[in-house]
Amino acid sequence: MSKIKKTMYVGPTLEAIAPRNTVFEKLPEALEAAIKKRPYLAGLCVPISGLAKALQQIDNQQGRIYTLYSKAESEKAAIEKGE
């Protein structure tokens, strides 16, 4: 039996989908649906072991995680509408 891996969503808060910096043992259905439409959102679900590096990229406004964060921020309204 495998261990449940906790992940944290580090993207911008998406109303009714995922609050920023929320830890999940299993992704909520709304977030899974958003990931199906925009697969890059999965990159914002970071294992706890990689959390410090991910948050540092966002704080420093550089790196892959920051690029994904910025994209999600720019598409936030459409994501929240389910588009």
PDB file of N, CA and C in Angstrom:
ATOM      1  N   MET A   1       0.851  -1.187   0.000  1.00  0.00           N
ATOM      2  CA  MET A   1       0.000   0.000   0.000  1.00  0.00           C
ATOM      3  C   MET A   1       0.886   1.236   0.000  1.00  0.00           C
ATOM      4  N   SER A   2       0.627   2.172  -0.905  1.00  0.00           N
ATOM      5  CA  SER A   2       1.465   3.364  -0.986  1.00  0.00           C
ATOM      6  C   SER A   2       0.983   4.437  -0.014  1.00  0.00           C
ATOM      7  N   LYS A   3       1.928   5.274   0.381  1.00  0.00           N
ATOM      8  CA  LYS A   3       1.599   6.379   1.269  1.00  0.00           C
ATOM      9  C   LYS A   3       0.870   7.464   0.487  1.00  0.00           C
ATOM     10  N   ILE A   4      -0.014   8.157   1.167  1.00  0.00           N
ATOM     11  CA  ILE A   4      -0.674   9.306   0.562  1.00  0.00           C
ATOM     12  C   ILE A   4       0.318  10.455   0.600  1.00  0.00           C
ATOM     13  N   LYS A   5       0.537  11.074  -0.550  1.00  0.00           N
ATOM     14  CA  LYS A   5       1.473  12.190  -0.617  1.00  0.00           C
ATOM     15  C   LYS A   5       0.699  13.494  -0.537  1.00  0.00           C
ATOM     16  N   LYS A   6       1.078  14.314   0.426  1.00  0.00           N
ATOM     17  CA  LYS A   6       0.448  15.619   0.556  1.00  0.00           C
ATOM     18  C   LYS A   6       1.076  16.583  -0.437  1.00  0.00           C
ATOM     19  N   THR A   7       0.218  17.376  -1.044  1.00  0.00           N
ATOM     20  CA  THR A   7       0.684  18.410  -1.957  1.00  0.00           C
ATOM     21  C   THR A   7       0.049  19.733  -1.553  1.00  0.00           C
ATOM     22  N   MET A   8       0.709  20.804  -1.943  1.00  0.00           N
ATOM     23  CA  MET A   8       0.154  22.129  -1.687  1.00  0.00           C
ATOM     24  C   MET A   8      -0.075  22.825  -3.017  1.00  0.00           C
ATOM     25  N   TYR A   9      -1.250  23.413  -3.154  1.00  0.00           N
ATOM     26  CA  TYR A   9      -1.540  24.233  -4.321  1.00  0.00           C
ATOM     27  C   TYR A   9      -0.952  25.612  -4.049  1.00  0.00           C
ATOM     28  N   VAL A  10       0.016  26.027  -4.872  1.00  0.00           N
ATOM     29  CA  VAL A  10       0.718  27.293  -4.646  1.00  0.00           C
ATOM     30  C   VAL A  10       0.323  28.375  -5.652  1.00  0.00           C
ATOM     31  N   GLY A  11      -0.673  28.101  -6.474  1.00  0.00           N
ATOM     32  CA  GLY A  11      -1.124  29.092  -7.444  1.00  0.00           C
ATOM     33  C   GLY A  11      -1.997  30.146  -6.788  1.00  0.00           C
ATOM     34  N   PRO A  12      -2.485  31.086  -7.591  1.00  0.00           N
ATOM     35  CA  PRO A  12      -3.377  32.115  -7.050  1.00  0.00           C
ATOM     36  C   PRO A  12      -4.696  31.489  -6.604  1.00  0.00           C
ATOM     37  N   THR A  13      -5.345  32.110  -5.637  1.00  0.00           N
ATOM     38  CA  THR A  13      -6.643  31.615  -5.189  1.00  0.00           C
ATOM     39  C   THR A  13      -7.615  31.612  -6.357  1.00  0.00           C
ATOM     40  N   LEU A  14      -8.252  30.474  -6.553  1.00  0.00           N
ATOM     41  CA  LEU A  14      -9.274  30.319  -7.583  1.00  0.00           C
ATOM     42  C   LEU A  14     -10.590  30.054  -6.856  1.00  0.00           C
ATOM     43  N   GLU A  15     -11.477  31.037  -6.859  1.00  0.00           N
ATOM     44  CA  GLU A  15     -12.737  30.932  -6.124  1.00  0.00           C
ATOM     45  C   GLU A  15     -13.483  29.652  -6.485  1.00  0.00           C
ATOM     46  N   ALA A  16     -13.941  28.944  -5.464  1.00  0.00           N
ATOM     47  CA  ALA A  16     -14.704  27.698  -5.592  1.00  0.00           C
ATOM     48  C   ALA A  16     -13.897  26.563  -6.225  1.00  0.00           C
ATOM     49  N   ILE A  17     -12.573  26.762  -6.375  1.00  0.00           N
ATOM     50  CA  ILE A  17     -11.728  25.710  -6.943  1.00  0.00           C
ATOM     51  C   ILE A  17     -10.606  25.347  -5.984  1.00  0.00           C
ATOM     52  N   ALA A  18      -9.768  26.335  -5.634  1.00  0.00           N
ATOM     53  CA  ALA A  18      -8.637  26.073  -4.737  1.00  0.00           C
ATOM     54  C   ALA A  18      -8.106  27.373  -4.150  1.00  0.00           C
ATOM     55  N   PRO A  19      -8.062  27.457  -2.825  1.00  0.00           N
ATOM     56  CA  PRO A  19      -7.411  28.604  -2.197  1.00  0.00           C
ATOM     57  C   PRO A  19      -5.892  28.452  -2.284  1.00  0.00           C
ATOM     58  N   ARG A  20      -5.189  29.551  -2.410  1.00  0.00           N
ATOM     59  CA  ARG A  20      -3.726  29.521  -2.470  1.00  0.00           C
ATOM     60  C   ARG A  20      -3.169  28.927  -1.175  1.00  0.00           C
ATOM     61  N   ASN A  21      -2.081  28.199  -1.326  1.00  0.00           N
ATOM     62  CA  ASN A  21      -1.327  27.608  -0.209  1.00  0.00           C
ATOM     63  C   ASN A  21      -2.165  26.663   0.646  1.00  0.00           C
ATOM     64  N   THR A  22      -2.993  25.870  -0.006  1.00  0.00           N
ATOM     65  CA  THR A  22      -3.794  24.863   0.681  1.00  0.00           C
ATOM     66  C   THR A  22      -3.156  23.495   0.480  1.00  0.00           C
ATOM     67  N   VAL A  23      -3.061  22.731   1.570  1.00  0.00           N
ATOM     68  CA  VAL A  23      -2.486  21.385   1.514  1.00  0.00           C
ATOM     69  C   VAL A  23      -3.611  20.386   1.269  1.00  0.00           C
ATOM     70  N   PHE A  24      -3.362  19.481   0.329  1.00  0.00           N
ATOM     71  CA  PHE A  24      -4.339  18.441   0.001  1.00  0.00           C
ATOM     72  C   PHE A  24      -3.689  17.069   0.093  1.00  0.00           C
ATOM     73  N   GLU A  25      -4.443  16.095   0.592  1.00  0.00           N
ATOM     74  CA  GLU A  25      -4.024  14.695   0.488  1.00  0.00           C
ATOM     75  C   GLU A  25      -4.555  14.134  -0.826  1.00  0.00           C
ATOM     76  N   LYS A  26      -5.695  14.651  -1.246  1.00  0.00           N
ATOM     77  CA  LYS A  26      -6.310  14.296  -2.532  1.00  0.00           C
ATOM     78  C   LYS A  26      -6.862  15.595  -3.105  1.00  0.00           C
ATOM     79  N   LEU A  27      -6.587  15.828  -4.381  1.00  0.00           N
ATOM     80  CA  LEU A  27      -7.058  17.068  -4.994  1.00  0.00           C
ATOM     81  C   LEU A  27      -8.582  17.090  -5.054  1.00  0.00           C
ATOM     82  N   PRO A  28      -9.189  18.243  -4.760  1.00  0.00           N
ATOM     83  CA  PRO A  28     -10.649  18.340  -4.865  1.00  0.00           C
ATOM     84  C   PRO A  28     -11.100  18.214  -6.324  1.00  0.00           C
ATOM     85  N   GLU A  29     -12.323  17.764  -6.500  1.00  0.00           N
ATOM     86  CA  GLU A  29     -12.859  17.548  -7.850  1.00  0.00           C
ATOM     87  C   GLU A  29     -12.801  18.815  -8.698  1.00  0.00           C
ATOM     88  N   ALA A  30     -13.096  19.959  -8.105  1.00  0.00           N
ATOM     89  CA  ALA A  30     -13.088  21.214  -8.868  1.00  0.00           C
ATOM     90  C   ALA A  30     -11.694  21.523  -9.406  1.00  0.00           C
ATOM     91  N   LEU A  31     -10.671  21.247  -8.605  1.00  0.00           N
ATOM     92  CA  LEU A  31      -9.303  21.488  -9.060  1.00  0.00           C
ATOM     93  C   LEU A  31      -8.911  20.470 -10.125  1.00  0.00           C
ATOM     94  N   GLU A  32      -9.309  19.224  -9.950  1.00  0.00           N
ATOM     95  CA  GLU A  32      -9.023  18.206 -10.971  1.00  0.00           C
ATOM     96  C   GLU A  32      -9.676  18.577 -12.308  1.00  0.00           C
ATOM     97  N   ALA A  33     -10.893  19.106 -12.256  1.00  0.00           N
ATOM     98  CA  ALA A  33     -11.587  19.523 -13.482  1.00  0.00           C
ATOM     99  C   ALA A  33     -10.852  20.688 -14.145  1.00  0.00           C
ATOM    100  N   ALA A  34     -10.378  21.629 -13.340  1.00  0.00           N
ATOM    101  CA  ALA A  34      -9.630  22.768 -13.887  1.00  0.00           C
ATOM    102  C   ALA A  34      -8.323  22.301 -14.519  1.00  0.00           C
ATOM    103  N   ILE A  35      -7.682  21.307 -13.908  1.00  0.00           N
ATOM    104  CA  ILE A  35      -6.428  20.762 -14.445  1.00  0.00           C
ATOM    105  C   ILE A  35      -6.680  20.070 -15.785  1.00  0.00           C
ATOM    106  N   LYS A  36      -7.823  19.407 -15.927  1.00  0.00           N
ATOM    107  CA  LYS A  36      -8.139  18.763 -17.213  1.00  0.00           C
ATOM    108  C   LYS A  36      -8.237  19.792 -18.334  1.00  0.00           C
ATOM    109  N   LYS A  37      -8.769  20.969 -18.019  1.00  0.00           N
ATOM    110  CA  LYS A  37      -8.900  22.023 -19.029  1.00  0.00           C
ATOM    111  C   LYS A  37      -7.594  22.788 -19.232  1.00  0.00           C
ATOM    112  N   ARG A  38      -6.832  22.898 -18.168  1.00  0.00           N
ATOM    113  CA  ARG A  38      -5.557  23.635 -18.208  1.00  0.00           C
ATOM    114  C   ARG A  38      -4.506  22.804 -17.475  1.00  0.00           C
ATOM    115  N   PRO A  39      -3.910  21.841 -18.161  1.00  0.00           N
ATOM    116  CA  PRO A  39      -2.971  20.909 -17.523  1.00  0.00           C
ATOM    117  C   PRO A  39      -1.808  21.570 -16.787  1.00  0.00           C
ATOM    118  N   TYR A  40      -1.431  22.768 -17.174  1.00  0.00           N
ATOM    119  CA  TYR A  40      -0.324  23.433 -16.483  1.00  0.00           C
ATOM    120  C   TYR A  40      -0.620  23.691 -15.005  1.00  0.00           C
ATOM    121  N   LEU A  41      -1.901  23.729 -14.620  1.00  0.00           N
ATOM    122  CA  LEU A  41      -2.249  23.943 -13.215  1.00  0.00           C
ATOM    123  C   LEU A  41      -1.712  22.825 -12.322  1.00  0.00           C
ATOM    124  N   ALA A  42      -1.521  21.642 -12.883  1.00  0.00           N
ATOM    125  CA  ALA A  42      -0.959  20.533 -12.100  1.00  0.00           C
ATOM    126  C   ALA A  42       0.438  20.880 -11.603  1.00  0.00           C
ATOM    127  N   GLY A  43       1.158  21.703 -12.345  1.00  0.00           N
ATOM    128  CA  GLY A  43       2.495  22.124 -11.932  1.00  0.00           C
ATOM    129  C   GLY A  43       2.492  23.029 -10.719  1.00  0.00           C
ATOM    130  N   LEU A  44       1.318  23.549 -10.362  1.00  0.00           N
ATOM    131  CA  LEU A  44       1.194  24.387  -9.172  1.00  0.00           C
ATOM    132  C   LEU A  44       0.777  23.578  -7.947  1.00  0.00           C
ATOM    133  N   CYS A  45       0.643  22.273  -8.113  1.00  0.00           N
ATOM    134  CA  CYS A  45       0.368  21.355  -7.006  1.00  0.00           C
ATOM    135  C   CYS A  45       1.701  20.695  -6.658  1.00  0.00           C
ATOM    136  N   VAL A  46       2.338  21.222  -5.639  1.00  0.00           N
ATOM    137  CA  VAL A  46       3.722  20.891  -5.332  1.00  0.00           C
ATOM    138  C   VAL A  46       3.793  19.937  -4.144  1.00  0.00           C
ATOM    139  N   PRO A  47       4.626  18.884  -4.231  1.00  0.00           N
ATOM    140  CA  PRO A  47       4.816  18.032  -3.058  1.00  0.00           C
ATOM    141  C   PRO A  47       5.409  18.858  -1.917  1.00  0.00           C
ATOM    142  N   ILE A  48       5.048  18.508  -0.713  1.00  0.00           N
ATOM    143  CA  ILE A  48       5.536  19.246   0.451  1.00  0.00           C
ATOM    144  C   ILE A  48       7.063  19.312   0.445  1.00  0.00           C
ATOM    145  N   SER A  49       7.711  18.267  -0.027  1.00  0.00           N
ATOM    146  CA  SER A  49       9.179  18.243  -0.056  1.00  0.00           C
ATOM    147  C   SER A  49       9.762  19.322  -0.973  1.00  0.00           C
ATOM    148  N   GLY A  50       9.001  19.799  -1.944  1.00  0.00           N
ATOM    149  CA  GLY A  50       9.487  20.827  -2.861  1.00  0.00           C
ATOM    150  C   GLY A  50       8.894  22.202  -2.600  1.00  0.00           C
ATOM    151  N   LEU A  51       8.206  22.325  -1.486  1.00  0.00           N
ATOM    152  CA  LEU A  51       7.475  23.549  -1.191  1.00  0.00           C
ATOM    153  C   LEU A  51       8.367  24.777  -1.048  1.00  0.00           C
ATOM    154  N   ALA A  52       9.453  24.659  -0.305  1.00  0.00           N
ATOM    155  CA  ALA A  52      10.324  25.818  -0.074  1.00  0.00           C
ATOM    156  C   ALA A  52      10.844  26.384  -1.390  1.00  0.00           C
ATOM    157  N   LYS A  53      11.270  25.509  -2.277  1.00  0.00           N
ATOM    158  CA  LYS A  53      11.800  25.950  -3.574  1.00  0.00           C
ATOM    159  C   LYS A  53      10.706  26.619  -4.407  1.00  0.00           C
ATOM    160  N   ALA A  54       9.512  26.045  -4.397  1.00  0.00           N
ATOM    161  CA  ALA A  54       8.403  26.607  -5.179  1.00  0.00           C
ATOM    162  C   ALA A  54       8.026  27.994  -4.674  1.00  0.00           C
ATOM    163  N   LEU A  55       7.901  28.143  -3.367  1.00  0.00           N
ATOM    164  CA  LEU A  55       7.529  29.440  -2.806  1.00  0.00           C
ATOM    165  C   LEU A  55       8.617  30.479  -3.036  1.00  0.00           C
ATOM    166  N   GLN A  56       9.860  30.039  -3.010  1.00  0.00           N
ATOM    167  CA  GLN A  56      10.976  30.949  -3.276  1.00  0.00           C
ATOM    168  C   GLN A  56      10.905  31.470  -4.715  1.00  0.00           C
ATOM    169  N   GLN A  57      10.571  30.603  -5.656  1.00  0.00           N
ATOM    170  CA  GLN A  57      10.441  31.033  -7.049  1.00  0.00           C
ATOM    171  C   GLN A  57       9.342  32.087  -7.193  1.00  0.00           C
ATOM    172  N   ILE A  58       8.233  31.884  -6.498  1.00  0.00           N
ATOM    173  CA  ILE A  58       7.138  32.856  -6.559  1.00  0.00           C
ATOM    174  C   ILE A  58       7.575  34.174  -5.925  1.00  0.00           C
ATOM    175  N   ASP A  59       8.200  34.097  -4.756  1.00  0.00           N
ATOM    176  CA  ASP A  59       8.666  35.312  -4.076  1.00  0.00           C
ATOM    177  C   ASP A  59       9.689  36.080  -4.912  1.00  0.00           C
ATOM    178  N   ASN A  60      10.583  35.355  -5.580  1.00  0.00           N
ATOM    179  CA  ASN A  60      11.639  35.983  -6.387  1.00  0.00           C
ATOM    180  C   ASN A  60      11.184  36.323  -7.808  1.00  0.00           C
ATOM    181  N   GLN A  61       9.959  35.938  -8.138  1.00  0.00           N
ATOM    182  CA  GLN A  61       9.374  36.181  -9.459  1.00  0.00           C
ATOM    183  C   GLN A  61      10.270  35.671 -10.587  1.00  0.00           C
ATOM    184  N   GLN A  62      10.697  34.415 -10.427  1.00  0.00           N
ATOM    185  CA  GLN A  62      11.496  33.764 -11.467  1.00  0.00           C
ATOM    186  C   GLN A  62      11.354  32.256 -11.339  1.00  0.00           C
ATOM    187  N   GLY A  63      11.598  31.549 -12.419  1.00  0.00           N
ATOM    188  CA  GLY A  63      11.547  30.092 -12.403  1.00  0.00           C
ATOM    189  C   GLY A  63      10.250  29.545 -12.974  1.00  0.00           C
ATOM    190  N   ARG A  64      10.225  28.226 -13.119  1.00  0.00           N
ATOM    191  CA  ARG A  64       9.094  27.530 -13.730  1.00  0.00           C
ATOM    192  C   ARG A  64       7.793  27.724 -12.951  1.00  0.00           C
ATOM    193  N   ILE A  65       7.859  27.596 -11.632  1.00  0.00           N
ATOM    194  CA  ILE A  65       6.648  27.735 -10.821  1.00  0.00           C
ATOM    195  C   ILE A  65       6.082  29.148 -10.947  1.00  0.00           C
ATOM    196  N   TYR A  66       6.956  30.143 -10.935  1.00  0.00           N
ATOM    197  CA  TYR A  66       6.482  31.525 -11.085  1.00  0.00           C
ATOM    198  C   TYR A  66       5.831  31.737 -12.452  1.00  0.00           C
ATOM    199  N   THR A  67       6.400  31.140 -13.485  1.00  0.00           N
ATOM    200  CA  THR A  67       5.820  31.249 -14.827  1.00  0.00           C
ATOM    201  C   THR A  67       4.408  30.665 -14.843  1.00  0.00           C
ATOM    202  N   LEU A  68       4.235  29.493 -14.216  1.00  0.00           N
ATOM    203  CA  LEU A  68       2.910  28.868 -14.138  1.00  0.00           C
ATOM    204  C   LEU A  68       1.955  29.716 -13.304  1.00  0.00           C
ATOM    205  N   TYR A  69       2.465  30.250 -12.192  1.00  0.00           N
ATOM    206  CA  TYR A  69       1.662  31.108 -11.319  1.00  0.00           C
ATOM    207  C   TYR A  69       1.145  32.321 -12.100  1.00  0.00           C
ATOM    208  N   SER A  70       2.040  32.965 -12.839  1.00  0.00           N
ATOM    209  CA  SER A  70       1.672  34.151 -13.622  1.00  0.00           C
ATOM    210  C   SER A  70       0.618  33.820 -14.675  1.00  0.00           C
ATOM    211  N   LYS A  71       0.771  32.671 -15.318  1.00  0.00           N
ATOM    212  CA  LYS A  71      -0.203  32.252 -16.331  1.00  0.00           C
ATOM    213  C   LYS A  71      -1.568  32.029 -15.684  1.00  0.00           C
ATOM    214  N   ALA A  72      -1.587  31.354 -14.537  1.00  0.00           N
ATOM    215  CA  ALA A  72      -2.849  31.114 -13.833  1.00  0.00           C
ATOM    216  C   ALA A  72      -3.472  32.432 -13.381  1.00  0.00           C
ATOM    217  N   GLU A  73      -2.647  33.355 -12.932  1.00  0.00           N
ATOM    218  CA  GLU A  73      -3.149  34.667 -12.501  1.00  0.00           C
ATOM    219  C   GLU A  73      -3.797  35.400 -13.678  1.00  0.00           C
ATOM    220  N   SER A  74      -3.169  35.340 -14.836  1.00  0.00           N
ATOM    221  CA  SER A  74      -3.708  36.047 -16.004  1.00  0.00           C
ATOM    222  C   SER A  74      -4.978  35.387 -16.551  1.00  0.00           C
ATOM    223  N   GLU A  75      -5.156  34.095 -16.291  1.00  0.00           N
ATOM    224  CA  GLU A  75      -6.334  33.367 -16.777  1.00  0.00           C
ATOM    225  C   GLU A  75      -7.351  33.101 -15.667  1.00  0.00           C
ATOM    226  N   LYS A  76      -7.139  33.709 -14.516  1.00  0.00           N
ATOM    227  CA  LYS A  76      -7.940  33.425 -13.325  1.00  0.00           C
ATOM    228  C   LYS A  76      -9.448  33.537 -13.566  1.00  0.00           C
ATOM    229  N   ALA A  77      -9.895  34.618 -14.180  1.00  0.00           N
ATOM    230  CA  ALA A  77     -11.335  34.810 -14.396  1.00  0.00           C
ATOM    231  C   ALA A  77     -11.920  33.689 -15.248  1.00  0.00           C
ATOM    232  N   ALA A  78     -11.230  33.318 -16.308  1.00  0.00           N
ATOM    233  CA  ALA A  78     -11.717  32.242 -17.180  1.00  0.00           C
ATOM    234  C   ALA A  78     -11.710  30.902 -16.451  1.00  0.00           C
ATOM    235  N   ILE A  79     -10.679  30.655 -15.660  1.00  0.00           N
ATOM    236  CA  ILE A  79     -10.597  29.397 -14.904  1.00  0.00           C
ATOM    237  C   ILE A  79     -11.768  29.308 -13.934  1.00  0.00           C
ATOM    238  N   GLU A  80     -12.036  30.399 -13.218  1.00  0.00           N
ATOM    239  CA  GLU A  80     -13.121  30.405 -12.235  1.00  0.00           C
ATOM    240  C   GLU A  80     -14.496  30.222 -12.887  1.00  0.00           C
ATOM    241  N   LYS A  81     -14.636  30.652 -14.140  1.00  0.00           N
ATOM    242  CA  LYS A  81     -15.900  30.476 -14.874  1.00  0.00           C
ATOM    243  C   LYS A  81     -16.021  29.080 -15.473  1.00  0.00           C
ATOM    244  N   GLY A  82     -14.936  28.301 -15.403  1.00  0.00           N
ATOM    245  CA  GLY A  82     -14.959  26.955 -15.955  1.00  0.00           C
ATOM    246  C   GLY A  82     -14.707  26.911 -17.445  1.00  0.00           C
ATOM    247  N   GLU A  83     -14.157  27.976 -17.977  1.00  0.00           N
ATOM    248  CA  GLU A  83     -13.881  28.040 -19.421  1.00  0.00           C
ATOM    249  C   GLU A  83     -12.608  27.311 -19.762  1.00  0.00           C
TER     250      GLU A  83
END
